[in-house]
Amino acid sequence: MTYTYNATITFDGNYYYADFEDFNGQLFTDAQSRAELQERMKSVLQLMLEQYSEDNKQFPKATANGYAVTVTL
């Protein structure tokens, strides 16, 4: 199954930050380059969804706007 969530990306001059707002502040990552951030966003999203699945938790509804990140479980 394929899932897509949006992340808000910010840059402070040194680091890029990504926050998946649909996870209420529980899912975020950072990186020094945008390419590294894209890899990390996919990784943390996949890990979070796998944990939700293992815990039989309902996935949050994808509602936030931003940079789309898609993973397949």
N, C-alpha and C. Protein backbone atom coordinates (compact mmCIF):
# COMPACT_ATOMS: atom_id res chain seq x y z
N MET A 1 0.84 -1.17 0.00
CA MET A 1 0.00 0.00 0.00
C MET A 1 0.90 1.24 0.00
N THR A 2 0.48 2.27 -0.71
CA THR A 2 1.25 3.51 -0.83
C THR A 2 0.56 4.62 -0.03
N TYR A 3 1.36 5.38 0.70
CA TYR A 3 0.86 6.47 1.53
C TYR A 3 1.62 7.74 1.21
N THR A 4 0.90 8.86 1.18
CA THR A 4 1.52 10.16 0.92
C THR A 4 1.11 11.14 2.02
N TYR A 5 2.11 11.76 2.63
CA TYR A 5 1.89 12.81 3.62
C TYR A 5 2.73 14.01 3.21
N ASN A 6 2.30 15.18 3.65
CA ASN A 6 3.01 16.41 3.31
C ASN A 6 3.82 16.91 4.49
N ALA A 7 4.99 17.43 4.17
CA ALA A 7 5.88 17.99 5.19
C ALA A 7 6.10 19.47 4.90
N THR A 8 6.16 20.24 5.95
CA THR A 8 6.52 21.65 5.85
C THR A 8 8.03 21.73 6.00
N ILE A 9 8.69 22.37 5.03
CA ILE A 9 10.14 22.47 5.04
C ILE A 9 10.55 23.91 5.32
N THR A 10 11.50 24.06 6.23
CA THR A 10 12.07 25.38 6.52
C THR A 10 13.59 25.28 6.46
N PHE A 11 14.24 26.41 6.28
CA PHE A 11 15.70 26.47 6.22
C PHE A 11 16.15 27.66 7.05
N ASP A 12 17.09 27.44 7.97
CA ASP A 12 17.54 28.51 8.85
C ASP A 12 18.90 29.10 8.45
N GLY A 13 19.35 28.74 7.24
CA GLY A 13 20.65 29.21 6.79
C GLY A 13 21.73 28.16 6.96
N ASN A 14 21.51 27.20 7.83
CA ASN A 14 22.45 26.11 8.05
C ASN A 14 21.82 24.73 7.84
N TYR A 15 20.61 24.56 8.33
CA TYR A 15 19.92 23.27 8.27
C TYR A 15 18.53 23.41 7.65
N TYR A 16 18.12 22.32 6.99
CA TYR A 16 16.76 22.18 6.52
C TYR A 16 15.98 21.38 7.56
N TYR A 17 14.75 21.78 7.80
CA TYR A 17 13.90 21.09 8.76
C TYR A 17 12.60 20.68 8.06
N ALA A 18 12.11 19.50 8.40
CA ALA A 18 10.84 19.02 7.86
C ALA A 18 9.95 18.58 9.01
N ASP A 19 8.70 19.01 8.97
CA ASP A 19 7.72 18.67 9.99
C ASP A 19 6.46 18.12 9.31
N PHE A 20 6.08 16.91 9.69
CA PHE A 20 4.86 16.31 9.18
C PHE A 20 3.73 16.69 10.14
N GLU A 21 2.99 17.73 9.82
CA GLU A 21 2.00 18.30 10.73
C GLU A 21 0.86 17.33 11.05
N ASP A 22 0.58 16.39 10.16
CA ASP A 22 -0.52 15.45 10.41
C ASP A 22 -0.22 14.51 11.58
N PHE A 23 1.03 14.48 12.02
CA PHE A 23 1.43 13.63 13.15
C PHE A 23 1.58 14.43 14.44
N ASN A 24 1.00 15.62 14.47
CA ASN A 24 0.92 16.45 15.69
C ASN A 24 2.26 16.64 16.39
N GLY A 25 3.29 17.00 15.64
CA GLY A 25 4.59 17.29 16.22
C GLY A 25 5.41 16.07 16.59
N GLN A 26 4.93 14.88 16.27
CA GLN A 26 5.65 13.66 16.61
C GLN A 26 6.57 13.17 15.50
N LEU A 27 6.49 13.79 14.31
CA LEU A 27 7.29 13.31 13.19
C LEU A 27 7.97 14.49 12.50
N PHE A 28 9.29 14.51 12.62
CA PHE A 28 10.08 15.59 12.03
C PHE A 28 11.49 15.10 11.83
N THR A 29 12.26 15.83 11.04
CA THR A 29 13.66 15.49 10.82
C THR A 29 14.39 16.73 10.35
N ASP A 30 15.71 16.63 10.24
CA ASP A 30 16.52 17.74 9.74
C ASP A 30 17.71 17.19 8.97
N ALA A 31 18.36 18.07 8.21
CA ALA A 31 19.53 17.68 7.42
C ALA A 31 20.26 18.93 6.97
N GLN A 32 21.52 18.74 6.56
CA GLN A 32 22.31 19.88 6.08
C GLN A 32 22.06 20.19 4.61
N SER A 33 21.56 19.23 3.85
CA SER A 33 21.26 19.49 2.44
C SER A 33 19.82 19.07 2.13
N ARG A 34 19.28 19.65 1.09
CA ARG A 34 17.91 19.32 0.70
C ARG A 34 17.82 17.86 0.23
N ALA A 35 18.85 17.37 -0.46
CA ALA A 35 18.84 15.98 -0.92
C ALA A 35 18.83 15.02 0.27
N GLU A 36 19.66 15.32 1.27
CA GLU A 36 19.69 14.48 2.47
C GLU A 36 18.35 14.55 3.21
N LEU A 37 17.75 15.72 3.23
CA LEU A 37 16.45 15.88 3.89
C LEU A 37 15.40 15.01 3.21
N GLN A 38 15.40 14.96 1.89
CA GLN A 38 14.42 14.14 1.17
C GLN A 38 14.57 12.67 1.55
N GLU A 39 15.78 12.19 1.66
CA GLU A 39 16.02 10.80 2.07
C GLU A 39 15.53 10.57 3.50
N ARG A 40 15.85 11.49 4.38
CA ARG A 40 15.46 11.34 5.78
C ARG A 40 13.94 11.43 5.96
N MET A 41 13.28 12.28 5.17
CA MET A 41 11.82 12.39 5.28
C MET A 41 11.17 11.06 4.93
N LYS A 42 11.62 10.43 3.86
CA LYS A 42 11.07 9.12 3.49
C LYS A 42 11.34 8.09 4.57
N SER A 43 12.54 8.11 5.11
CA SER A 43 12.92 7.13 6.12
C SER A 43 12.08 7.27 7.39
N VAL A 44 11.96 8.48 7.93
CA VAL A 44 11.21 8.65 9.18
C VAL A 44 9.73 8.40 8.97
N LEU A 45 9.20 8.77 7.79
CA LEU A 45 7.79 8.51 7.51
C LEU A 45 7.53 7.01 7.45
N GLN A 46 8.38 6.30 6.76
CA GLN A 46 8.20 4.85 6.65
C GLN A 46 8.30 4.19 8.03
N LEU A 47 9.28 4.59 8.83
CA LEU A 47 9.41 4.01 10.17
C LEU A 47 8.18 4.31 11.03
N MET A 48 7.66 5.51 10.95
CA MET A 48 6.49 5.87 11.75
C MET A 48 5.27 5.06 11.32
N LEU A 49 5.06 4.93 10.02
CA LEU A 49 3.90 4.17 9.54
C LEU A 49 4.03 2.69 9.87
N GLU A 50 5.24 2.16 9.81
CA GLU A 50 5.45 0.77 10.20
C GLU A 50 5.13 0.58 11.68
N GLN A 51 5.51 1.54 12.52
CA GLN A 51 5.22 1.45 13.95
C GLN A 51 3.71 1.54 14.19
N TYR A 52 3.04 2.46 13.50
CA TYR A 52 1.58 2.55 13.62
C TYR A 52 0.95 1.21 13.24
N SER A 53 1.42 0.61 12.17
CA SER A 53 0.88 -0.67 11.71
C SER A 53 1.10 -1.77 12.74
N GLU A 54 2.31 -1.86 13.28
CA GLU A 54 2.62 -2.87 14.29
C GLU A 54 1.77 -2.69 15.55
N ASP A 55 1.47 -1.44 15.90
CA ASP A 55 0.69 -1.13 17.09
C ASP A 55 -0.82 -1.12 16.81
N ASN A 56 -1.20 -1.45 15.58
CA ASN A 56 -2.61 -1.43 15.16
C ASN A 56 -3.26 -0.07 15.39
N LYS A 57 -2.49 0.98 15.21
CA LYS A 57 -3.00 2.35 15.35
C LYS A 57 -3.50 2.82 13.98
N GLN A 58 -4.55 3.60 13.99
CA GLN A 58 -5.08 4.17 12.76
C GLN A 58 -4.13 5.26 12.27
N PHE A 59 -3.81 5.23 10.98
CA PHE A 59 -2.95 6.26 10.40
C PHE A 59 -3.69 7.59 10.40
N PRO A 60 -2.98 8.68 10.66
CA PRO A 60 -3.64 9.99 10.59
C PRO A 60 -4.09 10.30 9.17
N LYS A 61 -5.13 11.07 9.08
CA LYS A 61 -5.62 11.52 7.78
C LYS A 61 -4.63 12.55 7.23
N ALA A 62 -4.25 12.40 5.98
CA ALA A 62 -3.31 13.35 5.35
C ALA A 62 -4.07 14.62 4.98
N THR A 63 -3.79 15.70 5.70
CA THR A 63 -4.51 16.94 5.47
C THR A 63 -3.62 18.15 5.23
N ALA A 64 -2.40 18.11 5.73
CA ALA A 64 -1.52 19.29 5.67
C ALA A 64 -1.05 19.55 4.24
N ASN A 65 -0.75 20.81 3.96
CA ASN A 65 -0.15 21.20 2.69
C ASN A 65 1.36 21.19 2.85
N GLY A 66 2.08 21.08 1.74
CA GLY A 66 3.53 21.13 1.81
C GLY A 66 4.16 20.23 0.78
N TYR A 67 5.37 19.78 1.06
CA TYR A 67 6.13 18.93 0.17
C TYR A 67 5.65 17.49 0.34
N ALA A 68 5.15 16.88 -0.73
CA ALA A 68 4.60 15.53 -0.67
C ALA A 68 5.71 14.50 -0.56
N VAL A 69 5.54 13.57 0.40
CA VAL A 69 6.47 12.47 0.61
C VAL A 69 5.65 11.18 0.54
N THR A 70 6.06 10.26 -0.34
CA THR A 70 5.33 9.02 -0.56
C THR A 70 6.19 7.84 -0.19
N VAL A 71 5.60 6.90 0.55
CA VAL A 71 6.28 5.65 0.90
C VAL A 71 5.34 4.48 0.64
N THR A 72 5.92 3.32 0.46
CA THR A 72 5.16 2.10 0.25
C THR A 72 5.48 1.12 1.37
N LEU A 73 4.44 0.59 1.99
CA LEU A 73 4.63 -0.41 3.05
C LEU A 73 4.28 -1.78 2.50
